C-alpha atoms as a PDB file:
ATOM      1  CA  MET A   1      71.606 134.694 122.577  1.00  0.00           C
ATOM      2  CA  GLU A   2      69.020 135.284 120.357  1.00  0.00           C
ATOM      3  CA  THR A   3      66.341 132.721 120.228  1.00  0.00           C
ATOM      4  CA  GLU A   4      67.466 131.461 116.245  1.00  0.00           C
ATOM      5  CA  ASP A   5      71.340 131.300 117.407  1.00  0.00           C
ATOM      6  CA  ILE A   6      70.366 128.811 120.082  1.00  0.00           C
ATOM      7  CA  LEU A   7      68.231 126.862 117.894  1.00  0.00           C
ATOM      8  CA  ALA A   8      71.282 126.757 115.344  1.00  0.00           C
ATOM      9  CA  ILE A   9      73.557 125.765 118.011  1.00  0.00           C
ATOM     10  CA  PHE A  10      70.840 122.447 118.907  1.00  0.00           C
ATOM     11  CA  LYS A  11      70.699 122.227 115.420  1.00  0.00           C
ATOM     12  CA  PHE A  12      74.091 121.650 114.794  1.00  0.00           C
ATOM     13  CA  SER A  13      75.055 119.469 118.109  1.00  0.00           C
ATOM     14  CA  ALA A  14      72.213 117.293 116.735  1.00  0.00           C
ATOM     15  CA  GLN A  15      73.876 116.828 113.479  1.00  0.00           C
ATOM     16  CA  GLU A  16      77.488 116.817 115.263  1.00  0.00           C
ATOM     17  CA  ARG A  17      75.824 113.525 117.266  1.00  0.00           C
ATOM     18  CA  LYS A  18      74.593 111.567 114.727  1.00  0.00           C
ATOM     19  CA  ILE A  19      77.630 111.841 112.172  1.00  0.00           C
ATOM     20  CA  LEU A  20      79.839 110.960 115.061  1.00  0.00           C
ATOM     21  CA  SER A  21      77.573 107.774 116.223  1.00  0.00           C
ATOM     22  CA  SER A  22      77.743 106.725 112.586  1.00  0.00           C
ATOM     23  CA  PHE A  23      81.384 105.905 113.318  1.00  0.00           C
ATOM     24  CA  GLY A  24      80.609 103.634 115.253  1.00  0.00           C
ATOM     25  CA  ILE A  25      83.708 104.195 117.816  1.00  0.00           C
ATOM     26  CA  GLN A  26      83.432 105.627 121.040  1.00  0.00           C
ATOM     27  CA  GLU A  27      82.391 109.045 121.015  1.00  0.00           C
ATOM     28  CA  ASP A  28      84.879 110.405 123.874  1.00  0.00           C
ATOM     29  CA  VAL A  29      87.801 110.016 120.979  1.00  0.00           C
ATOM     30  CA  PHE A  30      86.520 112.662 119.136  1.00  0.00           C
ATOM     31  CA  LEU A  31      86.931 115.068 121.677  1.00  0.00           C
ATOM     32  CA  PRO A  32      90.292 116.491 120.165  1.00  0.00           C
ATOM     33  CA  LEU A  33      88.428 116.832 116.711  1.00  0.00           C
ATOM     34  CA  LEU A  34      85.647 118.940 118.570  1.00  0.00           C
ATOM     35  CA  LEU A  35      87.975 121.012 120.260  1.00  0.00           C
ATOM     36  CA  SER A  36      89.748 121.720 116.870  1.00  0.00           C
ATOM     37  CA  LEU A  37      86.530 122.721 115.445  1.00  0.00           C
ATOM     38  CA  LYS A  38      85.776 124.979 117.646  1.00  0.00           C
ATOM     39  CA  SER A  39      88.735 126.586 119.419  1.00  0.00           C
ATOM     40  CA  GLY A  40      91.234 125.946 116.698  1.00  0.00           C
ATOM     41  CA  GLY A  41      94.786 124.168 117.109  1.00  0.00           C
ATOM     42  CA  SER A  42      95.798 120.653 117.721  1.00  0.00           C
ATOM     43  CA  TRP A  43      94.443 118.600 120.694  1.00  0.00           C
ATOM     44  CA  SER A  44      94.779 115.191 122.551  1.00  0.00           C
ATOM     45  CA  TYR A  45      92.774 112.589 124.913  1.00  0.00           C
ATOM     46  CA  ALA A  46      93.681 110.120 126.928  1.00  0.00           C
ATOM     47  CA  ALA A  47      91.488 107.576 128.537  1.00  0.00           C
ATOM     48  CA  GLU A  48      91.995 103.742 130.003  1.00  0.00           C
ATOM     49  CA  GLU A  49      91.065 102.260 127.064  1.00  0.00           C
ATOM     50  CA  SER A  50      91.899 104.733 123.935  1.00  0.00           C
ATOM     51  CA  ARG A  51      93.963 107.527 123.134  1.00  0.00           C
ATOM     52  CA  SER A  52      93.373 110.389 120.178  1.00  0.00           C
ATOM     53  CA  ILE A  53      95.151 113.219 118.915  1.00  0.00           C
ATOM     54  CA  ALA A  54      93.408 115.564 116.187  1.00  0.00           C
ATOM     55  CA  VAL A  55      96.137 117.791 113.547  1.00  0.00           C
ATOM     56  CA  LYS A  56      94.881 120.463 112.458  1.00  0.00           C
ATOM     57  CA  ASP A  57      96.385 121.560 108.380  1.00  0.00           C
ATOM     58  CA  VAL A  58      95.648 124.419 106.370  1.00  0.00           C
ATOM     59  CA  THR A  59      96.000 125.751 102.885  1.00  0.00           C
ATOM     60  CA  THR A  60      95.204 128.812 101.397  1.00  0.00           C
ATOM     61  CA  TYR A  61      93.463 128.913  98.063  1.00  0.00           C
ATOM     62  CA  TYR A  62      93.587 132.986  96.682  1.00  0.00           C
ATOM     63  CA  ASP A  63      92.783 133.493  92.824  1.00  0.00           C
ATOM     64  CA  GLU A  64      94.574 136.820  92.195  1.00  0.00           C
ATOM     65  CA  GLU A  65      92.430 138.105  89.497  1.00  0.00           C
ATOM     66  CA  ASN A  66      89.328 138.209  91.764  1.00  0.00           C
ATOM     67  CA  LYS A  67      91.742 139.266  95.117  1.00  0.00           C
ATOM     68  CA  ALA A  68      89.478 136.451  96.597  1.00  0.00           C
ATOM     69  CA  GLY A  69      90.208 133.087  98.042  1.00  0.00           C
ATOM     70  CA  TYR A  70      89.552 130.658 101.447  1.00  0.00           C
ATOM     71  CA  THR A  71      91.415 128.878 103.854  1.00  0.00           C
ATOM     72  CA  LEU A  72      90.397 125.062 104.128  1.00  0.00           C
ATOM     73  CA  GLU A  73      91.146 123.067 106.970  1.00  0.00           C
ATOM     74  CA  GLU A  74      91.959 119.558 107.374  1.00  0.00           C
ATOM     75  CA  ILE A  75      91.872 118.107 110.699  1.00  0.00           C
ATOM     76  CA  TYR A  76      93.104 114.429 111.152  1.00  0.00           C
ATOM     77  CA  LEU A  77      91.551 112.247 113.883  1.00  0.00           C
ATOM     78  CA  PHE A  78      94.427 109.804 114.723  1.00  0.00           C
ATOM     79  CA  ILE A  79      92.737 107.003 117.218  1.00  0.00           C
ATOM     80  CA  ASP A  80      95.070 105.014 119.043  1.00  0.00           C
ATOM     81  CA  PRO A  81      98.181 106.800 117.257  1.00  0.00           C
ATOM     82  CA  GLU A  82     101.768 105.796 117.084  1.00  0.00           C
ATOM     83  CA  ILE A  83     104.703 107.139 115.616  1.00  0.00           C
ATOM     84  CA  LEU A  84     106.738 104.915 112.774  1.00  0.00           C
ATOM     85  CA  LYS A  85     109.401 107.028 111.653  1.00  0.00           C
ATOM     86  CA  GLN A  86     110.538 110.503 112.805  1.00  0.00           C
ATOM     87  CA  GLU A  87     113.211 112.784 110.500  1.00  0.00           C
ATOM     88  CA  GLY A  88     115.039 116.199 111.055  1.00  0.00           C
ATOM     89  CA  SER A  89     115.441 118.317 114.021  1.00  0.00           C
ATOM     90  CA  VAL A  90     113.445 122.195 114.330  1.00  0.00           C
ATOM     91  CA  TYR A  91     113.870 123.875 117.166  1.00  0.00           C
ATOM     92  CA  ARG A  92     110.833 125.925 117.606  1.00  0.00           C
ATOM     93  CA  LEU A  93     108.987 127.928 120.302  1.00  0.00           C
ATOM     94  CA  GLU A  94     105.397 126.788 121.184  1.00  0.00           C
ATOM     95  CA  LYS A  95     102.991 127.302 123.930  1.00  0.00           C
ATOM     96  CA  CYS A  96     100.684 124.982 125.582  1.00  0.00           C
ATOM     97  CA  GLY A  97      97.469 126.009 127.107  1.00  0.00           C
ATOM     98  CA  ARG A  98      98.087 124.978 130.676  1.00  0.00           C
ATOM     99  CA  LYS A  99     101.057 127.396 130.226  1.00  0.00           C
ATOM    100  CA  GLY A 100     101.765 131.469 130.425  1.00  0.00           C
ATOM    101  CA  GLU A 101     104.500 131.292 128.490  1.00  0.00           C
ATOM    102  CA  ARG A 102     106.876 129.815 125.120  1.00  0.00           C
ATOM    103  CA  GLU A 103     108.758 127.518 125.416  1.00  0.00           C
ATOM    104  CA  LEU A 104     111.751 126.188 123.057  1.00  0.00           C
ATOM    105  CA  VAL A 105     111.340 122.638 122.040  1.00  0.00           C
ATOM    106  CA  ILE A 106     112.759 120.522 119.405  1.00  0.00           C
ATOM    107  CA  ARG A 107     110.360 118.650 116.867  1.00  0.00           C
ATOM    108  CA  PRO A 108     110.689 116.566 113.763  1.00  0.00           C
ATOM    109  CA  TYR A 109     110.253 118.152 110.486  1.00  0.00           C
ATOM    110  CA  ARG A 110     108.984 114.785 109.075  1.00  0.00           C
ATOM    111  CA  MET A 111     106.770 112.310 110.979  1.00  0.00           C
ATOM    112  CA  ILE A 112     104.697 109.084 109.725  1.00  0.00           C
ATOM    113  CA  LEU A 113     102.213 108.274 112.354  1.00  0.00           C
ATOM    114  CA  LYS A 114      99.783 105.040 112.285  1.00  0.00           C
ATOM    115  CA  ALA A 115      96.468 104.814 113.789  1.00  0.00           C
ATOM    116  CA  ARG A 116      93.922 102.611 114.347  1.00  0.00           C
ATOM    117  CA  LYS A 117      91.579 104.627 112.660  1.00  0.00           C
ATOM    118  CA  ILE A 118      91.988 107.946 110.960  1.00  0.00           C
ATOM    119  CA  VAL A 119      89.210 110.092 110.208  1.00  0.00           C
ATOM    120  CA  LEU A 120      89.521 113.295 108.338  1.00  0.00           C
ATOM    121  CA  ALA A 121      87.167 116.246 108.502  1.00  0.00           C
ATOM    122  CA  GLN A 122      87.944 119.032 106.042  1.00  0.00           C
ATOM    123  CA  VAL A 123      86.267 121.988 106.929  1.00  0.00           C
ATOM    124  CA  ASP A 124      85.657 124.766 103.831  1.00  0.00           C
ATOM    125  CA  PRO A 125      84.790 127.980 105.332  1.00  0.00           C
ATOM    126  CA  GLY A 126      83.502 129.035 101.452  1.00  0.00           C
ATOM    127  CA  LYS A 127      81.000 126.707 101.272  1.00  0.00           C
ATOM    128  CA  LYS A 128      80.335 126.509 105.195  1.00  0.00           C
ATOM    129  CA  LYS A 129      80.555 122.982 104.951  1.00  0.00           C
ATOM    130  CA  ILE A 130      82.293 120.013 107.670  1.00  0.00           C
ATOM    131  CA  PHE A 131      83.390 116.754 105.194  1.00  0.00           C
ATOM    132  CA  ILE A 132      83.954 114.442 107.799  1.00  0.00           C
ATOM    133  CA  ARG A 133      84.951 110.545 106.744  1.00  0.00           C
ATOM    134  CA  GLU A 134      86.947 107.517 108.173  1.00  0.00           C
ATOM    135  CA  ILE A 135      90.058 107.081 104.927  1.00  0.00           C
ATOM    136  CA  GLU A 136      91.432 104.023 104.415  1.00  0.00           C
ATOM    137  CA  LYS A 137      95.109 104.622 105.077  1.00  0.00           C
ATOM    138  CA  LYS A 138      96.213 103.219 108.229  1.00  0.00           C
ATOM    139  CA  LYS A 139      99.463 105.767 108.285  1.00  0.00           C
ATOM    140  CA  ILE A 140     100.217 109.348 107.425  1.00  0.00           C
ATOM    141  CA  SER A 141     103.171 111.458 106.264  1.00  0.00           C
ATOM    142  CA  LEU A 142     103.128 114.696 108.283  1.00  0.00           C
ATOM    143  CA  LYS A 143     105.607 117.326 107.430  1.00  0.00           C
ATOM    144  CA  GLY A 144     105.939 120.903 108.964  1.00  0.00           C
ATOM    145  CA  THR A 145     103.625 122.618 111.326  1.00  0.00           C
ATOM    146  CA  PRO A 146     101.588 119.500 111.407  1.00  0.00           C
ATOM    147  CA  ALA A 147     104.186 117.389 112.232  1.00  0.00           C
ATOM    148  CA  TYR A 148     104.986 119.856 115.194  1.00  0.00           C
ATOM    149  CA  SER A 149     101.668 119.693 116.335  1.00  0.00           C
ATOM    150  CA  ALA A 150     101.467 115.911 116.423  1.00  0.00           C
ATOM    151  CA  ALA A 151     104.777 115.530 117.947  1.00  0.00           C
ATOM    152  CA  HIS A 152     103.505 118.077 120.226  1.00  0.00           C
ATOM    153  CA  GLU A 153     100.279 115.940 121.162  1.00  0.00           C
ATOM    154  CA  LEU A 154     101.799 112.841 121.387  1.00  0.00           C
ATOM    155  CA  GLU A 155     104.194 114.336 124.119  1.00  0.00           C
ATOM    156  CA  HIS A 156     101.319 115.276 125.932  1.00  0.00           C
ATOM    157  CA  LEU A 157      99.932 111.604 125.414  1.00  0.00           C
ATOM    158  CA  GLU A 158     103.113 110.038 126.729  1.00  0.00           C
ATOM    159  CA  LYS A 159     104.200 112.768 129.292  1.00  0.00           C
ATOM    160  CA  GLY A 160     101.272 114.580 130.372  1.00  0.00           C
ATOM    161  CA  GLU A 161     103.229 118.016 129.943  1.00  0.00           C
ATOM    162  CA  VAL A 162     104.902 119.322 127.482  1.00  0.00           C
ATOM    163  CA  ARG A 163     108.528 120.754 128.671  1.00  0.00           C
ATOM    164  CA  GLY A 164     110.877 123.194 126.944  1.00  0.00           C
ATOM    165  CA  LEU A 165     113.198 125.637 127.667  1.00  0.00           C
ATOM    166  CA  PRO A 166     111.263 128.914 128.744  1.00  0.00           C
ATOM    167  CA  LEU A 167     111.762 132.089 126.551  1.00  0.00           C
ATOM    168  CA  TRP A 168     113.428 133.875 129.442  1.00  0.00           C
ATOM    169  CA  ASN A 169     116.423 131.738 128.871  1.00  0.00           C
ATOM    170  CA  PHE A 170     117.294 133.840 125.275  1.00  0.00           C
ATOM    171  CA  GLU A 171     118.977 137.073 125.524  1.00  0.00           C
ATOM    172  CA  TYR A 172     118.217 140.364 123.778  1.00  0.00           C
ATOM    173  CA  ILE A 173     120.766 141.260 121.282  1.00  0.00           C
ATOM    174  CA  PRO A 174     121.020 145.208 120.265  1.00  0.00           C
END
């Protein structure tokens, strides 16, 4: 690794610590957000005193005329999340990082989550900026992929392990 890369990592880490401490919340609850930023996906964290999940939503903005665009990532960090409402049933294959294969699970299509605090990080790769702030709302409505991801992470918090029907229970049809 080059010296300039190491210095950039130190600078980024210092900015990260400063912004996280500005929220006045124990820093370990930010782990799902940091993992989502650095590794992608949605994540969960549980300790005796608090729980948190990070749920990622993406929107691609594309200019047909210029043939260029970017994908904005919005990562919601829910601190002490609770499900207020779930609606619908979607059969889907998911793979959890702890398992080698995908499994069939049933997830809600829509979900309303409430949390003690909600932090939103918007990652704009076009500008190379991460905008992060606590939002006023204490409940958020999710649908589609963000709802599936939230249900998956909440299952981790409640049951520890996500369980579904392994892929080898499917049959090939020629």
